N, C-alpha and C. Protein backbone atom coordinates (compact mmCIF):
# COMPACT_ATOMS: atom_id res chain seq x y z
N MET A 1 -53.13 -80.42 4.93
CA MET A 1 -54.08 -79.90 4.88
C MET A 1 -53.53 -78.53 4.24
N ASP A 2 -54.67 -77.74 3.74
CA ASP A 2 -53.60 -77.01 3.53
C ASP A 2 -54.14 -75.59 3.65
N MET A 3 -52.96 -74.62 3.86
CA MET A 3 -53.07 -74.08 5.20
C MET A 3 -53.76 -72.83 4.70
N ASN A 4 -54.87 -72.59 3.86
CA ASN A 4 -55.07 -71.14 3.39
C ASN A 4 -56.59 -72.22 3.79
N GLU A 5 -57.06 -73.40 4.15
CA GLU A 5 -58.29 -73.93 4.52
C GLU A 5 -58.61 -73.30 5.90
N PRO A 6 -60.09 -72.94 5.85
CA PRO A 6 -60.33 -72.82 7.58
C PRO A 6 -60.45 -73.92 8.83
N ARG A 7 -59.66 -73.73 10.17
CA ARG A 7 -59.91 -75.26 10.95
C ARG A 7 -60.81 -74.38 11.82
N ALA A 8 -62.22 -74.47 12.19
CA ALA A 8 -63.25 -74.13 12.82
C ALA A 8 -64.24 -75.47 12.88
N SER A 9 -64.06 -75.19 14.59
CA SER A 9 -65.27 -75.76 14.79
C SER A 9 -66.94 -75.08 15.13
N ALA A 10 -67.94 -75.99 15.60
CA ALA A 10 -69.42 -74.88 15.98
C ALA A 10 -68.93 -74.59 16.79
N ASP A 11 -67.82 -74.54 17.68
CA ASP A 11 -68.22 -73.22 18.93
C ASP A 11 -66.88 -72.60 18.83
N SER A 12 -65.98 -72.96 17.66
CA SER A 12 -65.55 -71.54 17.72
C SER A 12 -65.81 -70.51 16.57
N VAL A 13 -67.31 -70.58 15.73
CA VAL A 13 -67.53 -69.50 14.71
C VAL A 13 -68.74 -68.91 15.41
N PRO A 14 -69.48 -67.81 15.65
CA PRO A 14 -68.30 -67.11 14.44
C PRO A 14 -67.44 -66.20 14.65
N ARG A 15 -66.65 -65.92 13.37
CA ARG A 15 -65.06 -65.63 13.99
C ARG A 15 -64.12 -65.09 12.48
N TRP A 16 -63.47 -64.54 12.59
CA TRP A 16 -62.77 -63.65 11.63
C TRP A 16 -61.00 -64.03 11.58
N GLU A 17 -60.67 -63.81 10.11
CA GLU A 17 -59.14 -63.87 10.30
C GLU A 17 -58.48 -63.61 9.13
N HIS A 18 -57.61 -63.00 9.43
CA HIS A 18 -56.68 -62.83 8.42
C HIS A 18 -55.29 -63.51 7.83
N PHE A 19 -55.62 -63.87 6.62
CA PHE A 19 -54.21 -64.65 5.82
C PHE A 19 -53.38 -63.70 5.23
N PRO A 20 -52.14 -64.10 5.52
CA PRO A 20 -51.24 -62.87 4.14
C PRO A 20 -51.44 -63.55 2.75
N HIS A 21 -51.08 -62.08 1.87
CA HIS A 21 -51.23 -61.98 0.48
C HIS A 21 -49.85 -60.54 0.01
N GLY A 22 -48.79 -61.17 -0.23
CA GLY A 22 -48.07 -60.55 -0.59
C GLY A 22 -48.03 -58.99 0.64
N SER A 23 -48.25 -57.98 -0.58
CA SER A 23 -48.85 -56.31 0.39
C SER A 23 -50.38 -55.70 0.67
N ASP A 24 -50.92 -56.54 0.07
CA ASP A 24 -52.73 -56.85 -0.05
C ASP A 24 -52.59 -57.43 1.38
N VAL A 25 -53.53 -57.76 2.01
CA VAL A 25 -54.80 -58.60 3.27
C VAL A 25 -55.88 -59.14 2.78
N GLY A 26 -54.72 -60.52 3.11
CA GLY A 26 -56.93 -61.80 3.12
C GLY A 26 -57.53 -61.64 3.81
N VAL A 27 -58.99 -61.21 3.38
CA VAL A 27 -59.69 -60.87 4.92
C VAL A 27 -60.46 -62.76 4.77
N ARG A 28 -61.24 -63.18 6.01
CA ARG A 28 -61.78 -64.31 6.11
C ARG A 28 -62.78 -64.32 7.44
N GLY A 29 -64.16 -64.40 6.87
CA GLY A 29 -65.27 -64.69 7.68
C GLY A 29 -65.35 -65.87 7.98
N LEU A 30 -66.02 -66.75 8.62
CA LEU A 30 -66.59 -68.27 9.12
C LEU A 30 -67.40 -67.82 10.50
N GLY A 31 -68.76 -69.00 10.00
CA GLY A 31 -70.07 -68.46 10.77
C GLY A 31 -70.86 -69.72 10.24
N LEU A 32 -72.29 -70.27 10.56
CA LEU A 32 -73.27 -71.10 10.05
C LEU A 32 -73.81 -71.03 9.36
N ALA A 33 -73.81 -70.13 8.54
CA ALA A 33 -74.44 -69.21 7.45
C ALA A 33 -73.34 -68.78 6.29
N PRO A 34 -73.80 -68.70 5.47
CA PRO A 34 -73.35 -67.07 4.63
C PRO A 34 -73.20 -66.16 4.75
N ALA A 35 -74.35 -65.48 5.27
CA ALA A 35 -74.50 -63.65 5.71
C ALA A 35 -73.57 -64.28 6.73
N THR A 36 -73.54 -64.85 7.95
CA THR A 36 -72.41 -64.77 9.11
C THR A 36 -70.70 -64.41 8.46
N ALA A 37 -71.11 -65.57 7.72
CA ALA A 37 -69.04 -64.97 7.26
C ALA A 37 -68.97 -63.67 6.69
N PHE A 38 -69.82 -63.20 5.73
CA PHE A 38 -70.01 -62.25 5.35
C PHE A 38 -69.80 -61.15 6.13
N GLU A 39 -70.89 -61.50 7.64
CA GLU A 39 -70.46 -60.30 8.64
C GLU A 39 -69.45 -60.55 9.03
N GLN A 40 -68.56 -61.45 9.56
CA GLN A 40 -67.43 -61.71 9.71
C GLN A 40 -66.26 -60.95 9.23
N ALA A 41 -65.95 -61.88 7.60
CA ALA A 41 -65.12 -60.96 7.10
C ALA A 41 -65.63 -59.28 7.18
N ALA A 42 -66.77 -58.27 7.03
CA ALA A 42 -66.21 -57.30 7.44
C ALA A 42 -65.88 -56.86 8.95
N LEU A 43 -65.60 -57.79 9.58
CA LEU A 43 -65.38 -57.41 10.70
C LEU A 43 -63.75 -57.42 10.13
N ALA A 44 -63.01 -58.24 9.67
CA ALA A 44 -61.98 -58.71 9.60
C ALA A 44 -61.13 -57.63 8.88
N LEU A 45 -62.19 -56.86 7.67
CA LEU A 45 -62.05 -55.61 7.45
C LEU A 45 -61.37 -54.50 8.04
N THR A 46 -62.59 -54.13 8.96
CA THR A 46 -61.91 -53.03 10.10
C THR A 46 -60.65 -53.50 10.49
N ALA A 47 -60.76 -54.49 10.89
CA ALA A 47 -59.52 -55.14 11.88
C ALA A 47 -57.93 -54.60 11.17
N ALA A 48 -58.11 -54.78 9.89
CA ALA A 48 -57.36 -54.32 8.94
C ALA A 48 -57.12 -53.17 9.41
N VAL A 49 -58.10 -52.67 9.33
CA VAL A 49 -57.59 -50.74 8.87
C VAL A 49 -56.83 -50.06 10.78
N THR A 50 -57.96 -50.64 11.38
CA THR A 50 -57.68 -50.59 13.15
C THR A 50 -57.80 -51.10 14.22
N SER A 51 -56.84 -51.87 15.23
CA SER A 51 -57.04 -51.67 16.39
C SER A 51 -57.95 -51.46 17.74
N ALA A 52 -57.93 -50.55 16.85
CA ALA A 52 -59.05 -49.52 18.18
C ALA A 52 -60.54 -50.04 17.99
N GLN A 53 -61.00 -49.64 19.15
CA GLN A 53 -62.43 -49.74 19.95
C GLN A 53 -63.43 -48.57 18.66
N VAL A 54 -63.86 -49.52 17.78
CA VAL A 54 -64.96 -48.88 17.08
C VAL A 54 -66.15 -48.40 18.20
N GLU A 55 -67.27 -47.29 17.79
CA GLU A 55 -68.51 -47.48 18.37
C GLU A 55 -69.47 -47.77 16.91
N ALA A 56 -70.71 -48.14 17.90
CA ALA A 56 -71.63 -48.32 16.81
C ALA A 56 -72.85 -47.16 17.14
N SER A 57 -71.93 -45.65 16.28
CA SER A 57 -73.10 -44.53 17.01
C SER A 57 -74.24 -44.59 15.73
N GLU A 58 -73.77 -44.89 14.38
CA GLU A 58 -74.63 -44.86 13.30
C GLU A 58 -74.43 -46.03 12.06
N GLN A 59 -76.00 -45.75 11.71
CA GLN A 59 -75.34 -46.79 10.56
C GLN A 59 -76.01 -46.03 9.08
N VAL A 60 -75.30 -47.12 8.31
CA VAL A 60 -76.19 -47.56 6.95
C VAL A 60 -76.32 -48.15 6.60
N GLU A 61 -77.28 -48.29 5.49
CA GLU A 61 -78.32 -49.55 5.13
C GLU A 61 -77.38 -49.62 3.41
N VAL A 62 -76.89 -50.57 2.93
CA VAL A 62 -76.00 -51.63 2.17
C VAL A 62 -77.49 -52.25 1.74
N SER A 63 -76.74 -52.03 -0.07
CA SER A 63 -77.47 -53.35 -0.41
C SER A 63 -76.56 -53.52 -2.64
N CYS A 64 -76.98 -55.00 -2.58
CA CYS A 64 -75.93 -55.34 -3.72
C CYS A 64 -76.12 -56.25 -4.19
N GLN A 65 -75.87 -57.15 -5.29
CA GLN A 65 -76.36 -58.15 -5.63
C GLN A 65 -75.41 -58.49 -6.81
N ALA A 66 -75.63 -59.97 -7.10
CA ALA A 66 -74.87 -60.82 -8.16
C ALA A 66 -75.20 -62.10 -8.33
N PRO A 67 -74.90 -62.42 -9.68
CA PRO A 67 -74.97 -63.95 -9.53
C PRO A 67 -75.09 -64.76 -8.97
N ASP A 68 -73.84 -64.59 -7.71
CA ASP A 68 -73.81 -66.47 -7.30
C ASP A 68 -73.54 -65.29 -5.83
N LEU A 69 -72.74 -66.44 -4.83
CA LEU A 69 -72.57 -66.19 -3.78
C LEU A 69 -70.97 -65.51 -3.34
N GLU A 70 -69.95 -66.19 -4.11
CA GLU A 70 -68.96 -65.68 -4.61
C GLU A 70 -68.64 -64.36 -5.14
N LEU A 71 -69.67 -64.01 -5.90
CA LEU A 71 -69.23 -62.59 -6.24
C LEU A 71 -70.46 -61.38 -5.59
N LEU A 72 -71.25 -62.03 -5.13
CA LEU A 72 -71.39 -61.55 -3.64
C LEU A 72 -70.80 -61.23 -2.84
N PHE A 73 -69.80 -61.79 -1.81
CA PHE A 73 -69.54 -61.73 -1.55
C PHE A 73 -67.85 -60.33 -1.70
N VAL A 74 -67.68 -60.42 -2.80
CA VAL A 74 -67.06 -59.05 -3.02
C VAL A 74 -67.80 -57.84 -3.47
N GLU A 75 -68.66 -58.03 -3.42
CA GLU A 75 -69.62 -56.85 -4.17
C GLU A 75 -69.72 -56.33 -2.84
N TRP A 76 -70.25 -57.27 -1.60
CA TRP A 76 -70.81 -56.88 -0.60
C TRP A 76 -69.33 -55.67 0.67
N LEU A 77 -68.50 -56.79 0.36
CA LEU A 77 -66.93 -56.20 0.96
C LEU A 77 -67.08 -54.86 0.30
N ASN A 78 -67.07 -54.60 -1.25
CA ASN A 78 -66.90 -53.27 -1.79
C ASN A 78 -67.99 -52.54 -1.80
N SER A 79 -69.12 -52.30 -1.25
CA SER A 79 -70.10 -51.78 -0.62
C SER A 79 -69.28 -51.12 0.71
N VAL A 80 -68.69 -52.07 1.65
CA VAL A 80 -68.45 -51.24 2.81
C VAL A 80 -67.11 -50.78 2.89
N ILE A 81 -66.13 -51.26 1.87
CA ILE A 81 -65.10 -50.18 1.28
C ILE A 81 -65.76 -48.77 1.13
N TYR A 82 -66.59 -48.89 0.00
CA TYR A 82 -67.00 -47.63 -0.62
C TYR A 82 -67.66 -46.66 0.68
N GLU A 83 -68.53 -47.59 1.03
CA GLU A 83 -69.41 -46.46 2.23
C GLU A 83 -67.75 -46.19 3.59
N MET A 84 -67.29 -46.29 4.16
CA MET A 84 -65.53 -46.18 4.53
C MET A 84 -65.47 -45.58 4.33
N ALA A 85 -64.89 -45.09 2.81
CA ALA A 85 -64.05 -43.94 2.31
C ALA A 85 -65.26 -43.01 1.98
N VAL A 86 -66.74 -43.28 1.47
CA VAL A 86 -67.47 -41.61 1.16
C VAL A 86 -68.09 -40.72 2.36
N ARG A 87 -68.40 -41.63 3.09
CA ARG A 87 -69.00 -41.49 4.77
C ARG A 87 -67.54 -40.48 6.07
N ARG A 88 -66.26 -41.49 5.89
CA ARG A 88 -64.85 -41.75 6.08
C ARG A 88 -65.63 -41.97 7.20
N MET A 89 -65.88 -43.30 7.74
CA MET A 89 -66.53 -43.96 8.66
C MET A 89 -65.54 -45.37 8.80
N LEU A 90 -65.69 -45.47 9.94
CA LEU A 90 -65.25 -47.37 10.33
C LEU A 90 -66.48 -47.64 10.63
N PHE A 91 -66.75 -49.26 10.90
CA PHE A 91 -67.61 -50.36 11.14
C PHE A 91 -67.23 -50.50 12.22
N ALA A 92 -68.36 -51.02 13.48
CA ALA A 92 -67.50 -52.26 14.28
C ALA A 92 -68.95 -53.14 14.29
N CYS A 93 -69.94 -53.09 13.35
CA CYS A 93 -70.89 -54.42 13.91
C CYS A 93 -71.80 -54.03 11.74
N PHE A 94 -72.02 -55.87 11.55
CA PHE A 94 -72.61 -55.88 10.34
C PHE A 94 -73.92 -57.11 10.43
N SER A 95 -75.15 -56.34 9.38
CA SER A 95 -75.88 -57.15 9.38
C SER A 95 -76.19 -57.66 8.14
N VAL A 96 -76.18 -58.88 7.83
CA VAL A 96 -76.25 -59.30 6.20
C VAL A 96 -77.88 -60.11 6.79
N ARG A 97 -78.35 -59.57 5.30
CA ARG A 97 -79.74 -61.01 4.94
C ARG A 97 -79.33 -60.79 3.46
N ILE A 98 -78.97 -62.80 2.92
CA ILE A 98 -79.20 -62.72 1.78
C ILE A 98 -80.46 -63.34 1.12
N GLU A 99 -81.43 -63.16 0.03
CA GLU A 99 -82.15 -63.50 -0.41
C GLU A 99 -81.86 -63.70 -2.26
N GLY A 100 -81.58 -65.17 -2.19
CA GLY A 100 -81.21 -65.07 -3.93
C GLY A 100 -80.05 -65.29 -3.98
N ALA A 101 -79.03 -64.07 -5.03
CA ALA A 101 -78.91 -62.67 -5.78
C ALA A 101 -78.61 -61.62 -5.32
N ARG A 102 -79.78 -61.39 -3.89
CA ARG A 102 -79.82 -59.88 -3.30
C ARG A 102 -78.88 -59.96 -1.93
N LEU A 103 -78.07 -58.71 -1.46
CA LEU A 103 -77.97 -58.67 -0.27
C LEU A 103 -78.57 -57.89 0.48
N GLU A 104 -79.11 -56.99 1.44
CA GLU A 104 -79.52 -56.18 2.43
C GLU A 104 -78.86 -56.62 3.01
N GLY A 105 -77.89 -55.48 3.40
CA GLY A 105 -76.98 -54.81 5.05
C GLY A 105 -76.90 -53.91 5.75
N THR A 106 -76.44 -54.35 7.36
CA THR A 106 -76.61 -52.52 7.85
C THR A 106 -75.22 -52.69 8.00
N LEU A 107 -74.44 -51.30 8.05
CA LEU A 107 -73.16 -51.09 8.99
C LEU A 107 -73.24 -50.04 10.31
N CYS A 108 -72.91 -50.73 11.09
CA CYS A 108 -72.85 -49.49 12.26
C CYS A 108 -71.35 -49.31 12.78
N GLY A 109 -71.09 -47.96 12.32
CA GLY A 109 -69.68 -47.63 13.34
C GLY A 109 -70.00 -46.44 13.40
N GLU A 110 -68.98 -45.32 12.76
CA GLU A 110 -68.64 -43.96 13.67
C GLU A 110 -67.17 -43.68 12.95
N PRO A 111 -67.84 -42.29 12.21
CA PRO A 111 -66.96 -41.32 12.00
C PRO A 111 -65.27 -42.00 12.41
N VAL A 112 -64.53 -41.27 11.57
CA VAL A 112 -63.11 -41.70 11.72
C VAL A 112 -62.39 -41.12 12.08
N ASP A 113 -61.54 -41.13 13.55
CA ASP A 113 -60.90 -39.80 14.56
C ASP A 113 -59.60 -40.22 14.79
N VAL A 114 -58.98 -39.86 13.05
CA VAL A 114 -57.12 -40.72 13.40
C VAL A 114 -56.49 -40.96 14.59
N ALA A 115 -57.11 -39.79 15.31
CA ALA A 115 -55.73 -39.81 16.77
C ALA A 115 -56.41 -40.79 17.25
N ARG A 116 -57.70 -41.58 17.68
CA ARG A 116 -57.86 -42.57 18.51
C ARG A 116 -57.86 -43.62 17.70
N HIS A 117 -58.35 -44.18 16.48
CA HIS A 117 -58.08 -45.09 15.54
C HIS A 117 -56.61 -45.56 14.73
N ALA A 118 -56.09 -44.94 14.45
CA ALA A 118 -54.63 -44.69 13.73
C ALA A 118 -55.46 -45.49 12.75
N PRO A 119 -55.59 -45.39 11.28
CA PRO A 119 -55.40 -46.14 10.49
C PRO A 119 -54.35 -47.10 9.75
N ALA A 120 -53.89 -47.88 10.18
CA ALA A 120 -53.15 -48.75 9.44
C ALA A 120 -53.11 -48.93 7.86
N CYS A 121 -54.36 -48.65 7.06
CA CYS A 121 -54.17 -48.37 5.85
C CYS A 121 -55.98 -47.76 5.45
N GLU A 122 -55.87 -47.60 4.08
CA GLU A 122 -57.02 -47.77 3.09
C GLU A 122 -57.65 -48.32 2.48
N PRO A 123 -58.88 -49.64 2.82
CA PRO A 123 -58.55 -50.31 1.62
C PRO A 123 -59.18 -49.27 0.37
N LYS A 124 -58.86 -50.53 -0.76
CA LYS A 124 -59.17 -49.61 -2.53
C LYS A 124 -60.48 -50.54 -3.27
N GLY A 125 -60.47 -51.99 -2.31
CA GLY A 125 -61.70 -52.56 -3.09
C GLY A 125 -60.99 -53.98 -2.74
N ALA A 126 -62.16 -54.98 -2.58
CA ALA A 126 -61.98 -56.48 -2.93
C ALA A 126 -61.69 -57.26 -4.09
N THR A 127 -60.78 -57.88 -4.19
CA THR A 127 -61.05 -58.70 -5.04
C THR A 127 -60.69 -60.23 -5.12
N TYR A 128 -60.70 -59.95 -7.26
CA TYR A 128 -61.06 -62.26 -6.99
C TYR A 128 -59.73 -63.00 -6.17
N GLY A 129 -59.43 -62.38 -6.52
CA GLY A 129 -58.14 -63.32 -5.41
C GLY A 129 -58.46 -63.84 -4.25
N SER A 130 -57.81 -64.98 -4.42
CA SER A 130 -58.66 -66.28 -3.66
C SER A 130 -60.23 -65.98 -3.16
N LEU A 131 -60.61 -65.86 -3.40
CA LEU A 131 -61.91 -65.77 -3.10
C LEU A 131 -62.24 -67.19 -3.79
N LYS A 132 -63.91 -67.58 -2.18
CA LYS A 132 -63.76 -68.84 -1.93
C LYS A 132 -64.63 -68.78 -0.75
N VAL A 133 -65.99 -69.15 -1.50
CA VAL A 133 -67.59 -69.06 -0.78
C VAL A 133 -68.30 -70.25 -0.34
N ALA A 134 -67.92 -71.08 0.34
CA ALA A 134 -68.33 -72.67 0.33
C ALA A 134 -67.98 -72.99 1.73
N PRO A 135 -68.68 -74.24 2.51
CA PRO A 135 -69.00 -74.39 3.65
C PRO A 135 -68.00 -75.62 3.01
N ASP A 136 -67.40 -75.92 4.56
CA ASP A 136 -66.08 -77.11 5.05
C ASP A 136 -67.22 -78.19 5.27
N ALA A 137 -66.86 -79.08 5.03
CA ALA A 137 -67.15 -80.71 5.36
C ALA A 137 -68.09 -80.40 6.69
N GLY A 138 -67.72 -79.61 7.82
CA GLY A 138 -68.84 -79.70 8.75
C GLY A 138 -69.31 -78.58 8.48
N GLY A 139 -69.83 -78.07 7.49
CA GLY A 139 -70.92 -77.14 7.30
C GLY A 139 -70.83 -75.85 7.70
N ILE A 140 -69.41 -75.45 8.37
CA ILE A 140 -69.23 -74.39 8.65
C ILE A 140 -68.89 -73.12 7.50
N TRP A 141 -69.43 -72.07 7.19
CA TRP A 141 -69.48 -70.99 5.54
C TRP A 141 -68.05 -70.54 6.59
N SER A 142 -66.90 -70.52 4.88
CA SER A 142 -66.56 -69.68 5.04
C SER A 142 -66.31 -68.73 3.72
N ALA A 143 -65.98 -67.41 3.64
CA ALA A 143 -66.39 -66.31 2.86
C ALA A 143 -64.61 -65.58 2.80
N ALA A 144 -64.01 -65.98 1.74
CA ALA A 144 -62.54 -65.50 1.78
C ALA A 144 -61.75 -64.61 0.43
N CYS A 145 -61.96 -63.59 0.32
CA CYS A 145 -60.84 -63.17 -0.28
C CYS A 145 -59.72 -62.05 -0.50
N VAL A 146 -58.99 -61.43 -0.90
CA VAL A 146 -58.07 -60.21 -1.51
C VAL A 146 -58.32 -59.14 -0.75
N VAL A 147 -58.32 -58.22 -0.41
CA VAL A 147 -58.73 -56.89 -0.14
C VAL A 147 -56.98 -56.24 -0.66
N ASP A 148 -57.66 -55.17 -1.99
CA ASP A 148 -56.00 -54.25 -2.47
C ASP A 148 -56.21 -53.31 -1.15
N VAL A 149 -55.25 -52.84 -0.74
CA VAL A 149 -54.78 -51.85 0.26
C VAL A 149 -53.75 -51.07 -0.11
């Protein structure tokens, strides 16, 4: 069995995980639909930055598009990273709607409090490294890639 393949059953999703990749971090989201896997991967992104509780006190709307699900996943994570950087926020919950080549998302979070959140890193961008968005044989969707930190 490939160690990079998700091992999940329907009762263990949705969920997220990190996987090692040199000095960067791999993020993977799992869900019963691509949108859920994208949401979970965004949670993995936040968890790479902080282990502290993040409040969902503010909402930010994002949209992106790409010709296929894998490229849309990279665009999604890069949209989240962009909003983290320009708004100086962390996000605690995500809502994704995918229609064809277009994604509409809602990010819920709060401004970074350095003392409370103690950020471990600053994500710079989602990459095409280890990029894969697909269902497994059991129908569990996985969305994964490496994030440059």
